[in-house]
């Protein structure tokens, strides 16, 4: 399941680029623990759990290439890239 491997690797990259640093320590610890326990192929539930963490990621200081990879995968999964959602919210 190539997509789930991408979700897992991108989650690790987001974590390495401090996208979750603003979360509570116990939430970051739970994410670390989840990543360590996961094995490919991910189940749909596991993949969706990681994507839930993505909803709380800070994108302010992410490298553009990582942001693009994340948004491309979200689009492929039928989800809106988070920046588009934020821009739409700013319009109201």
PDB file of N, CA and C in Angstrom:
ATOM      1  N   UNK A   1       0.850  -1.170   0.000  1.00  0.00           N
ATOM      2  CA  UNK A   1       0.000   0.000   0.000  1.00  0.00           C
ATOM      3  C   UNK A   1       0.904   1.244   0.000  1.00  0.00           C
ATOM      4  N   UNK A   2       1.208   1.756  -1.138  1.00  0.00           N
ATOM      5  CA  UNK A   2       2.151   2.853  -1.292  1.00  0.00           C
ATOM      6  C   UNK A   2       1.681   4.124  -0.602  1.00  0.00           C
ATOM      7  N   UNK A   3       0.392   4.446  -0.677  1.00  0.00           N
ATOM      8  CA  UNK A   3      -0.095   5.668  -0.061  1.00  0.00           C
ATOM      9  C   UNK A   3       0.135   5.677   1.442  1.00  0.00           C
ATOM     10  N   UNK A   4      -0.137   4.559   2.118  1.00  0.00           N
ATOM     11  CA  UNK A   4       0.033   4.538   3.567  1.00  0.00           C
ATOM     12  C   UNK A   4       1.499   4.693   3.941  1.00  0.00           C
ATOM     13  N   UNK A   5       2.391   4.114   3.154  1.00  0.00           N
ATOM     14  CA  UNK A   5       3.810   4.298   3.426  1.00  0.00           C
ATOM     15  C   UNK A   5       4.173   5.766   3.274  1.00  0.00           C
ATOM     16  N   UNK A   6       3.588   6.423   2.298  1.00  0.00           N
ATOM     17  CA  UNK A   6       3.828   7.844   2.114  1.00  0.00           C
ATOM     18  C   UNK A   6       3.269   8.631   3.288  1.00  0.00           C
ATOM     19  N   UNK A   7       2.082   8.289   3.756  1.00  0.00           N
ATOM     20  CA  UNK A   7       1.505   8.973   4.913  1.00  0.00           C
ATOM     21  C   UNK A   7       2.429   8.815   6.115  1.00  0.00           C
ATOM     22  N   UNK A   8       2.929   7.616   6.324  1.00  0.00           N
ATOM     23  CA  UNK A   8       3.830   7.375   7.447  1.00  0.00           C
ATOM     24  C   UNK A   8       5.126   8.160   7.285  1.00  0.00           C
ATOM     25  N   UNK A   9       5.745   8.099   6.115  1.00  0.00           N
ATOM     26  CA  UNK A   9       7.017   8.802   5.928  1.00  0.00           C
ATOM     27  C   UNK A   9       6.838  10.323   6.003  1.00  0.00           C
ATOM     28  N   UNK A  10       5.725  10.821   5.483  1.00  0.00           N
ATOM     29  CA  UNK A  10       5.484  12.262   5.572  1.00  0.00           C
ATOM     30  C   UNK A  10       5.187  12.690   7.010  1.00  0.00           C
ATOM     31  N   UNK A  11       4.540  11.837   7.772  1.00  0.00           N
ATOM     32  CA  UNK A  11       4.303  12.150   9.190  1.00  0.00           C
ATOM     33  C   UNK A  11       5.629  12.253   9.920  1.00  0.00           C
ATOM     34  N   UNK A  12       6.530  11.342   9.631  1.00  0.00           N
ATOM     35  CA  UNK A  12       7.863  11.381  10.248  1.00  0.00           C
ATOM     36  C   UNK A  12       8.597  12.658   9.820  1.00  0.00           C
ATOM     37  N   UNK A  13       8.490  13.011   8.541  1.00  0.00           N
ATOM     38  CA  UNK A  13       9.125  14.243   8.059  1.00  0.00           C
ATOM     39  C   UNK A  13       8.518  15.484   8.712  1.00  0.00           C
ATOM     40  N   UNK A  14       7.200  15.496   8.872  1.00  0.00           N
ATOM     41  CA  UNK A  14       6.549  16.621   9.548  1.00  0.00           C
ATOM     42  C   UNK A  14       7.022  16.727  10.991  1.00  0.00           C
ATOM     43  N   UNK A  15       7.132  15.597  11.647  1.00  0.00           N
ATOM     44  CA  UNK A  15       7.622  15.571  13.022  1.00  0.00           C
ATOM     45  C   UNK A  15       9.059  16.080  13.092  1.00  0.00           C
ATOM     46  N   UNK A  16       9.897  15.643  12.165  1.00  0.00           N
ATOM     47  CA  UNK A  16      11.299  16.065  12.138  1.00  0.00           C
ATOM     48  C   UNK A  16      11.448  17.553  11.836  1.00  0.00           C
ATOM     49  N   UNK A  17      10.458  18.137  11.168  1.00  0.00           N
ATOM     50  CA  UNK A  17      10.498  19.559  10.824  1.00  0.00           C
ATOM     51  C   UNK A  17       9.665  20.408  11.780  1.00  0.00           C
ATOM     52  N   UNK A  18       9.413  19.869  12.969  1.00  0.00           N
ATOM     53  CA  UNK A  18       8.784  20.606  14.073  1.00  0.00           C
ATOM     54  C   UNK A  18       7.353  21.050  13.810  1.00  0.00           C
ATOM     55  N   UNK A  19       6.638  20.363  12.942  1.00  0.00           N
ATOM     56  CA  UNK A  19       5.267  20.747  12.635  1.00  0.00           C
ATOM     57  C   UNK A  19       4.312  20.505  13.800  1.00  0.00           C
ATOM     58  N   UNK A  20       4.739  19.685  14.760  1.00  0.00           N
ATOM     59  CA  UNK A  20       3.860  19.351  15.880  1.00  0.00           C
ATOM     60  C   UNK A  20       4.362  19.922  17.210  1.00  0.00           C
ATOM     61  N   UNK A  21       5.384  20.760  17.182  1.00  0.00           N
ATOM     62  CA  UNK A  21       5.983  21.265  18.414  1.00  0.00           C
ATOM     63  C   UNK A  21       5.028  22.061  19.290  1.00  0.00           C
ATOM     64  N   UNK A  22       3.990  22.632  18.718  1.00  0.00           N
ATOM     65  CA  UNK A  22       3.040  23.431  19.489  1.00  0.00           C
ATOM     66  C   UNK A  22       2.023  22.569  20.237  1.00  0.00           C
ATOM     67  N   UNK A  23       1.991  21.270  19.948  1.00  0.00           N
ATOM     68  CA  UNK A  23       1.053  20.379  20.632  1.00  0.00           C
ATOM     69  C   UNK A  23       1.520  20.094  22.053  1.00  0.00           C
ATOM     70  N   UNK A  24       0.607  19.592  22.868  1.00  0.00           N
ATOM     71  CA  UNK A  24       0.953  19.195  24.228  1.00  0.00           C
ATOM     72  C   UNK A  24       1.976  18.061  24.167  1.00  0.00           C
ATOM     73  N   UNK A  25       2.820  17.997  25.191  1.00  0.00           N
ATOM     74  CA  UNK A  25       3.852  16.959  25.246  1.00  0.00           C
ATOM     75  C   UNK A  25       3.265  15.558  25.141  1.00  0.00           C
ATOM     76  N   UNK A  26       2.118  15.333  25.796  1.00  0.00           N
ATOM     77  CA  UNK A  26       1.527  13.992  25.757  1.00  0.00           C
ATOM     78  C   UNK A  26       1.013  13.644  24.351  1.00  0.00           C
ATOM     79  N   UNK A  27       0.595  14.655  23.581  1.00  0.00           N
ATOM     80  CA  UNK A  27       0.163  14.396  22.205  1.00  0.00           C
ATOM     81  C   UNK A  27       1.351  14.042  21.310  1.00  0.00           C
ATOM     82  N   UNK A  28       2.446  14.761  21.487  1.00  0.00           N
ATOM     83  CA  UNK A  28       3.653  14.461  20.715  1.00  0.00           C
ATOM     84  C   UNK A  28       4.184  13.077  21.100  1.00  0.00           C
ATOM     85  N   UNK A  29       4.132  12.765  22.377  1.00  0.00           N
ATOM     86  CA  UNK A  29       4.567  11.453  22.843  1.00  0.00           C
ATOM     87  C   UNK A  29       3.692  10.350  22.249  1.00  0.00           C
ATOM     88  N   UNK A  30       2.383  10.590  22.184  1.00  0.00           N
ATOM     89  CA  UNK A  30       1.472   9.606  21.594  1.00  0.00           C
ATOM     90  C   UNK A  30       1.787   9.398  20.118  1.00  0.00           C
ATOM     91  N   UNK A  31       2.116  10.479  19.420  1.00  0.00           N
ATOM     92  CA  UNK A  31       2.479  10.362  18.003  1.00  0.00           C
ATOM     93  C   UNK A  31       3.768   9.561  17.835  1.00  0.00           C
ATOM     94  N   UNK A  32       4.771   9.857  18.651  1.00  0.00           N
ATOM     95  CA  UNK A  32       6.025   9.085  18.609  1.00  0.00           C
ATOM     96  C   UNK A  32       5.741   7.607  18.849  1.00  0.00           C
ATOM     97  N   UNK A  33       4.955   7.325  19.869  1.00  0.00           N
ATOM     98  CA  UNK A  33       4.646   5.937  20.224  1.00  0.00           C
ATOM     99  C   UNK A  33       3.908   5.238  19.087  1.00  0.00           C
ATOM    100  N   UNK A  34       2.972   5.937  18.467  1.00  0.00           N
ATOM    101  CA  UNK A  34       2.224   5.374  17.350  1.00  0.00           C
ATOM    102  C   UNK A  34       3.148   5.046  16.182  1.00  0.00           C
ATOM    103  N   UNK A  35       4.035   5.963  15.841  1.00  0.00           N
ATOM    104  CA  UNK A  35       4.949   5.765  14.714  1.00  0.00           C
ATOM    105  C   UNK A  35       5.839   4.546  14.949  1.00  0.00           C
ATOM    106  N   UNK A  36       6.330   4.399  16.165  1.00  0.00           N
ATOM    107  CA  UNK A  36       7.214   3.276  16.486  1.00  0.00           C
ATOM    108  C   UNK A  36       6.477   1.946  16.337  1.00  0.00           C
ATOM    109  N   UNK A  37       5.190   1.920  16.683  1.00  0.00           N
ATOM    110  CA  UNK A  37       4.424   0.674  16.648  1.00  0.00           C
ATOM    111  C   UNK A  37       3.905   0.311  15.258  1.00  0.00           C
ATOM    112  N   UNK A  38       3.834   1.268  14.349  1.00  0.00           N
ATOM    113  CA  UNK A  38       3.227   1.008  13.049  1.00  0.00           C
ATOM    114  C   UNK A  38       4.106   0.137  12.172  1.00  0.00           C
ATOM    115  N   UNK A  39       3.444  -0.720  11.412  1.00  0.00           N
ATOM    116  CA  UNK A  39       4.113  -1.547  10.420  1.00  0.00           C
ATOM    117  C   UNK A  39       3.338  -1.440   9.121  1.00  0.00           C
ATOM    118  N   UNK A  40       4.067  -1.461   8.031  1.00  0.00           N
ATOM    119  CA  UNK A  40       3.418  -1.443   6.720  1.00  0.00           C
ATOM    120  C   UNK A  40       2.868  -2.823   6.403  1.00  0.00           C
ATOM    121  N   UNK A  41       1.775  -2.908   5.700  1.00  0.00           N
ATOM    122  CA  UNK A  41       0.955  -1.791   5.245  1.00  0.00           C
ATOM    123  C   UNK A  41       0.055  -1.297   6.369  1.00  0.00           C
ATOM    124  N   UNK A  42      -0.187   0.001   6.379  1.00  0.00           N
ATOM    125  CA  UNK A  42      -1.071   0.585   7.376  1.00  0.00           C
ATOM    126  C   UNK A  42      -2.522   0.207   7.076  1.00  0.00           C
ATOM    127  N   UNK A  43      -3.283   0.058   8.140  1.00  0.00           N
ATOM    128  CA  UNK A  43      -4.721  -0.109   7.953  1.00  0.00           C
ATOM    129  C   UNK A  43      -5.316   1.267   7.672  1.00  0.00           C
ATOM    130  N   UNK A  44      -6.533   1.277   7.207  1.00  0.00           N
ATOM    131  CA  UNK A  44      -7.215   2.549   6.953  1.00  0.00           C
ATOM    132  C   UNK A  44      -7.340   3.351   8.247  1.00  0.00           C
ATOM    133  N   UNK A  45      -7.607   2.672   9.346  1.00  0.00           N
ATOM    134  CA  UNK A  45      -7.730   3.354  10.641  1.00  0.00           C
ATOM    135  C   UNK A  45      -6.402   3.991  11.041  1.00  0.00           C
ATOM    136  N   UNK A  46      -5.304   3.263  10.880  1.00  0.00           N
ATOM    137  CA  UNK A  46      -3.986   3.807  11.215  1.00  0.00           C
ATOM    138  C   UNK A  46      -3.656   5.014  10.348  1.00  0.00           C
ATOM    139  N   UNK A  47      -3.926   4.898   9.051  1.00  0.00           N
ATOM    140  CA  UNK A  47      -3.648   6.001   8.133  1.00  0.00           C
ATOM    141  C   UNK A  47      -4.480   7.227   8.511  1.00  0.00           C
ATOM    142  N   UNK A  48      -5.751   7.025   8.811  1.00  0.00           N
ATOM    143  CA  UNK A  48      -6.608   8.146   9.181  1.00  0.00           C
ATOM    144  C   UNK A  48      -6.193   8.770  10.503  1.00  0.00           C
ATOM    145  N   UNK A  49      -5.677   7.962  11.419  1.00  0.00           N
ATOM    146  CA  UNK A  49      -5.191   8.503  12.688  1.00  0.00           C
ATOM    147  C   UNK A  49      -4.000   9.430  12.454  1.00  0.00           C
ATOM    148  N   UNK A  50      -3.074   9.015  11.590  1.00  0.00           N
ATOM    149  CA  UNK A  50      -1.946   9.888  11.261  1.00  0.00           C
ATOM    150  C   UNK A  50      -2.428  11.156  10.567  1.00  0.00           C
ATOM    151  N   UNK A  51      -3.389  11.028   9.678  1.00  0.00           N
ATOM    152  CA  UNK A  51      -3.918  12.201   8.980  1.00  0.00           C
ATOM    153  C   UNK A  51      -4.619  13.156   9.945  1.00  0.00           C
ATOM    154  N   UNK A  52      -5.176  12.623  11.023  1.00  0.00           N
ATOM    155  CA  UNK A  52      -5.774  13.483  12.048  1.00  0.00           C
ATOM    156  C   UNK A  52      -4.697  14.354  12.693  1.00  0.00           C
ATOM    157  N   UNK A  53      -3.530  13.790  12.928  1.00  0.00           N
ATOM    158  CA  UNK A  53      -2.430  14.598  13.453  1.00  0.00           C
ATOM    159  C   UNK A  53      -2.052  15.689  12.456  1.00  0.00           C
ATOM    160  N   UNK A  54      -2.101  15.366  11.159  1.00  0.00           N
ATOM    161  CA  UNK A  54      -1.769  16.364  10.132  1.00  0.00           C
ATOM    162  C   UNK A  54      -2.669  17.587  10.243  1.00  0.00           C
ATOM    163  N   UNK A  55      -3.933  17.383  10.638  1.00  0.00           N
ATOM    164  CA  UNK A  55      -4.857  18.509  10.780  1.00  0.00           C
ATOM    165  C   UNK A  55      -4.391  19.509  11.834  1.00  0.00           C
ATOM    166  N   UNK A  56      -3.544  19.050  12.746  1.00  0.00           N
ATOM    167  CA  UNK A  56      -3.068  19.903  13.827  1.00  0.00           C
ATOM    168  C   UNK A  56      -1.631  20.370  13.617  1.00  0.00           C
ATOM    169  N   UNK A  57      -1.074  20.057  12.464  1.00  0.00           N
ATOM    170  CA  UNK A  57       0.312  20.438  12.170  1.00  0.00           C
ATOM    171  C   UNK A  57       0.403  21.934  11.874  1.00  0.00           C
ATOM    172  N   UNK A  58       1.468  22.527  12.348  1.00  0.00           N
ATOM    173  CA  UNK A  58       1.761  23.920  12.023  1.00  0.00           C
ATOM    174  C   UNK A  58       2.578  23.939  10.736  1.00  0.00           C
ATOM    175  N   UNK A  59       2.101  24.676   9.749  1.00  0.00           N
ATOM    176  CA  UNK A  59       2.787  24.708   8.457  1.00  0.00           C
ATOM    177  C   UNK A  59       3.610  25.977   8.271  1.00  0.00           C
ATOM    178  N   UNK A  60       3.660  26.827   9.285  1.00  0.00           N
ATOM    179  CA  UNK A  60       4.292  28.144   9.155  1.00  0.00           C
ATOM    180  C   UNK A  60       5.756  28.064   8.726  1.00  0.00           C
ATOM    181  N   UNK A  61       6.506  27.137   9.281  1.00  0.00           N
ATOM    182  CA  UNK A  61       7.942  27.079   9.003  1.00  0.00           C
ATOM    183  C   UNK A  61       8.366  25.832   8.243  1.00  0.00           C
ATOM    184  N   UNK A  62       7.420  25.161   7.615  1.00  0.00           N
ATOM    185  CA  UNK A  62       7.777  23.956   6.865  1.00  0.00           C
ATOM    186  C   UNK A  62       8.470  24.310   5.563  1.00  0.00           C
ATOM    187  N   UNK A  63       9.448  23.498   5.152  1.00  0.00           N
ATOM    188  CA  UNK A  63      10.073  23.708   3.846  1.00  0.00           C
ATOM    189  C   UNK A  63       9.016  23.581   2.747  1.00  0.00           C
ATOM    190  N   UNK A  64       9.082  24.424   1.726  1.00  0.00           N
ATOM    191  CA  UNK A  64       8.079  24.383   0.651  1.00  0.00           C
ATOM    192  C   UNK A  64       7.939  23.007   0.000  1.00  0.00           C
ATOM    193  N   UNK A  65       9.034  22.288  -0.164  1.00  0.00           N
ATOM    194  CA  UNK A  65       8.966  20.961  -0.797  1.00  0.00           C
ATOM    195  C   UNK A  65       8.152  19.988   0.063  1.00  0.00           C
ATOM    196  N   UNK A  66       8.319  20.038   1.372  1.00  0.00           N
ATOM    197  CA  UNK A  66       7.570  19.160   2.274  1.00  0.00           C
ATOM    198  C   UNK A  66       6.094  19.556   2.280  1.00  0.00           C
ATOM    199  N   UNK A  67       5.828  20.834   2.299  1.00  0.00           N
ATOM    200  CA  UNK A  67       4.454  21.321   2.249  1.00  0.00           C
ATOM    201  C   UNK A  67       3.773  20.874   0.956  1.00  0.00           C
ATOM    202  N   UNK A  68       4.495  20.946  -0.135  1.00  0.00           N
ATOM    203  CA  UNK A  68       3.951  20.514  -1.428  1.00  0.00           C
ATOM    204  C   UNK A  68       3.659  19.017  -1.433  1.00  0.00           C
ATOM    205  N   UNK A  69       4.594  18.215  -0.912  1.00  0.00           N
ATOM    206  CA  UNK A  69       4.389  16.766  -0.852  1.00  0.00           C
ATOM    207  C   UNK A  69       3.173  16.425  -0.006  1.00  0.00           C
ATOM    208  N   UNK A  70       3.033  17.103   1.127  1.00  0.00           N
ATOM    209  CA  UNK A  70       1.896  16.847   2.003  1.00  0.00           C
ATOM    210  C   UNK A  70       0.586  17.229   1.319  1.00  0.00           C
ATOM    211  N   UNK A  71       0.553  18.399   0.718  1.00  0.00           N
ATOM    212  CA  UNK A  71      -0.672  18.848   0.060  1.00  0.00           C
ATOM    213  C   UNK A  71      -1.022  17.978  -1.145  1.00  0.00           C
ATOM    214  N   UNK A  72      -0.012  17.518  -1.872  1.00  0.00           N
ATOM    215  CA  UNK A  72      -0.253  16.624  -3.011  1.00  0.00           C
ATOM    216  C   UNK A  72      -0.889  15.330  -2.539  1.00  0.00           C
ATOM    217  N   UNK A  73      -0.369  14.761  -1.464  1.00  0.00           N
ATOM    218  CA  UNK A  73      -0.929  13.516  -0.943  1.00  0.00           C
ATOM    219  C   UNK A  73      -2.348  13.734  -0.428  1.00  0.00           C
ATOM    220  N   UNK A  74      -2.595  14.837   0.268  1.00  0.00           N
ATOM    221  CA  UNK A  74      -3.948  15.122   0.728  1.00  0.00           C
ATOM    222  C   UNK A  74      -4.913  15.198  -0.452  1.00  0.00           C
ATOM    223  N   UNK A  75      -4.482  15.848  -1.508  1.00  0.00           N
ATOM    224  CA  UNK A  75      -5.308  15.963  -2.709  1.00  0.00           C
ATOM    225  C   UNK A  75      -5.582  14.580  -3.311  1.00  0.00           C
ATOM    226  N   UNK A  76      -4.552  13.737  -3.369  1.00  0.00           N
ATOM    227  CA  UNK A  76      -4.707  12.390  -3.918  1.00  0.00           C
ATOM    228  C   UNK A  76      -5.671  11.548  -3.082  1.00  0.00           C
ATOM    229  N   UNK A  77      -5.730  11.843  -1.793  1.00  0.00           N
ATOM    230  CA  UNK A  77      -6.622  11.112  -0.900  1.00  0.00           C
ATOM    231  C   UNK A  77      -8.024  11.713  -0.866  1.00  0.00           C
ATOM    232  N   UNK A  78      -8.244  12.748  -1.686  1.00  0.00           N
ATOM    233  CA  UNK A  78      -9.558  13.370  -1.752  1.00  0.00           C
ATOM    234  C   UNK A  78      -9.824  14.371  -0.652  1.00  0.00           C
ATOM    235  N   UNK A  79      -8.764  14.836  -0.006  1.00  0.00           N
ATOM    236  CA  UNK A  79      -8.893  15.817   1.072  1.00  0.00           C
ATOM    237  C   UNK A  79      -8.380  17.163   0.580  1.00  0.00           C
ATOM    238  N   UNK A  80      -8.869  18.227   1.207  1.00  0.00           N
ATOM    239  CA  UNK A  80      -8.392  19.559   0.852  1.00  0.00           C
ATOM    240  C   UNK A  80      -7.055  19.831   1.523  1.00  0.00           C
ATOM    241  N   UNK A  81      -6.107  20.403   0.784  1.00  0.00           N
ATOM    242  CA  UNK A  81      -4.874  20.855   1.430  1.00  0.00           C
ATOM    243  C   UNK A  81      -5.230  21.873   2.515  1.00  0.00           C
ATOM    244  N   UNK A  82      -4.545  21.824   3.628  1.00  0.00           N
ATOM    245  CA  UNK A  82      -4.902  22.662   4.764  1.00  0.00           C
ATOM    246  C   UNK A  82      -4.787  24.146   4.455  1.00  0.00           C
ATOM    247  N   UNK A  83      -3.845  24.546   3.620  1.00  0.00           N
ATOM    248  CA  UNK A  83      -3.697  25.955   3.301  1.00  0.00           C
ATOM    249  C   UNK A  83      -4.940  26.479   2.586  1.00  0.00           C
ATOM    250  N   UNK A  84      -5.511  25.656   1.706  1.00  0.00           N
ATOM    251  CA  UNK A  84      -6.724  26.072   1.012  1.00  0.00           C
ATOM    252  C   UNK A  84      -7.856  26.269   1.995  1.00  0.00           C
ATOM    253  N   UNK A  85      -7.972  25.374   2.979  1.00  0.00           N
ATOM    254  CA  UNK A  85      -9.031  25.507   3.958  1.00  0.00           C
ATOM    255  C   UNK A  85      -8.841  26.765   4.786  1.00  0.00           C
ATOM    256  N   UNK A  86      -7.595  27.066   5.165  1.00  0.00           N
ATOM    257  CA  UNK A  86      -7.333  28.266   5.950  1.00  0.00           C
ATOM    258  C   UNK A  86      -7.643  29.524   5.149  1.00  0.00           C
ATOM    259  N   UNK A  87      -7.297  29.519   3.865  1.00  0.00           N
ATOM    260  CA  UNK A  87      -7.573  30.677   3.028  1.00  0.00           C
ATOM    261  C   UNK A  87      -9.079  30.869   2.914  1.00  0.00           C
ATOM    262  N   UNK A  88      -9.828  29.776   2.782  1.00  0.00           N
ATOM    263  CA  UNK A  88     -11.277  29.886   2.686  1.00  0.00           C
ATOM    264  C   UNK A  88     -11.859  30.428   3.989  1.00  0.00           C
ATOM    265  N   UNK A  89     -11.319  30.024   5.124  1.00  0.00           N
ATOM    266  CA  UNK A  89     -11.801  30.497   6.407  1.00  0.00           C
ATOM    267  C   UNK A  89     -11.503  31.978   6.570  1.00  0.00           C
ATOM    268  N   UNK A  90     -10.367  32.440   6.071  1.00  0.00           N
ATOM    269  CA  UNK A  90     -10.008  33.845   6.177  1.00  0.00           C
ATOM    270  C   UNK A  90     -10.959  34.734   5.378  1.00  0.00           C
ATOM    271  N   UNK A  91     -11.612  34.163   4.388  1.00  0.00           N
ATOM    272  CA  UNK A  91     -12.512  34.950   3.548  1.00  0.00           C
ATOM    273  C   UNK A  91     -13.802  35.287   4.276  1.00  0.00           C
ATOM    274  N   UNK A  92     -14.151  34.541   5.333  1.00  0.00           N
ATOM    275  CA  UNK A  92     -15.426  34.764   6.035  1.00  0.00           C
ATOM    276  C   UNK A  92     -15.275  35.703   7.194  1.00  0.00           C
TER     277      UNK A  92
END
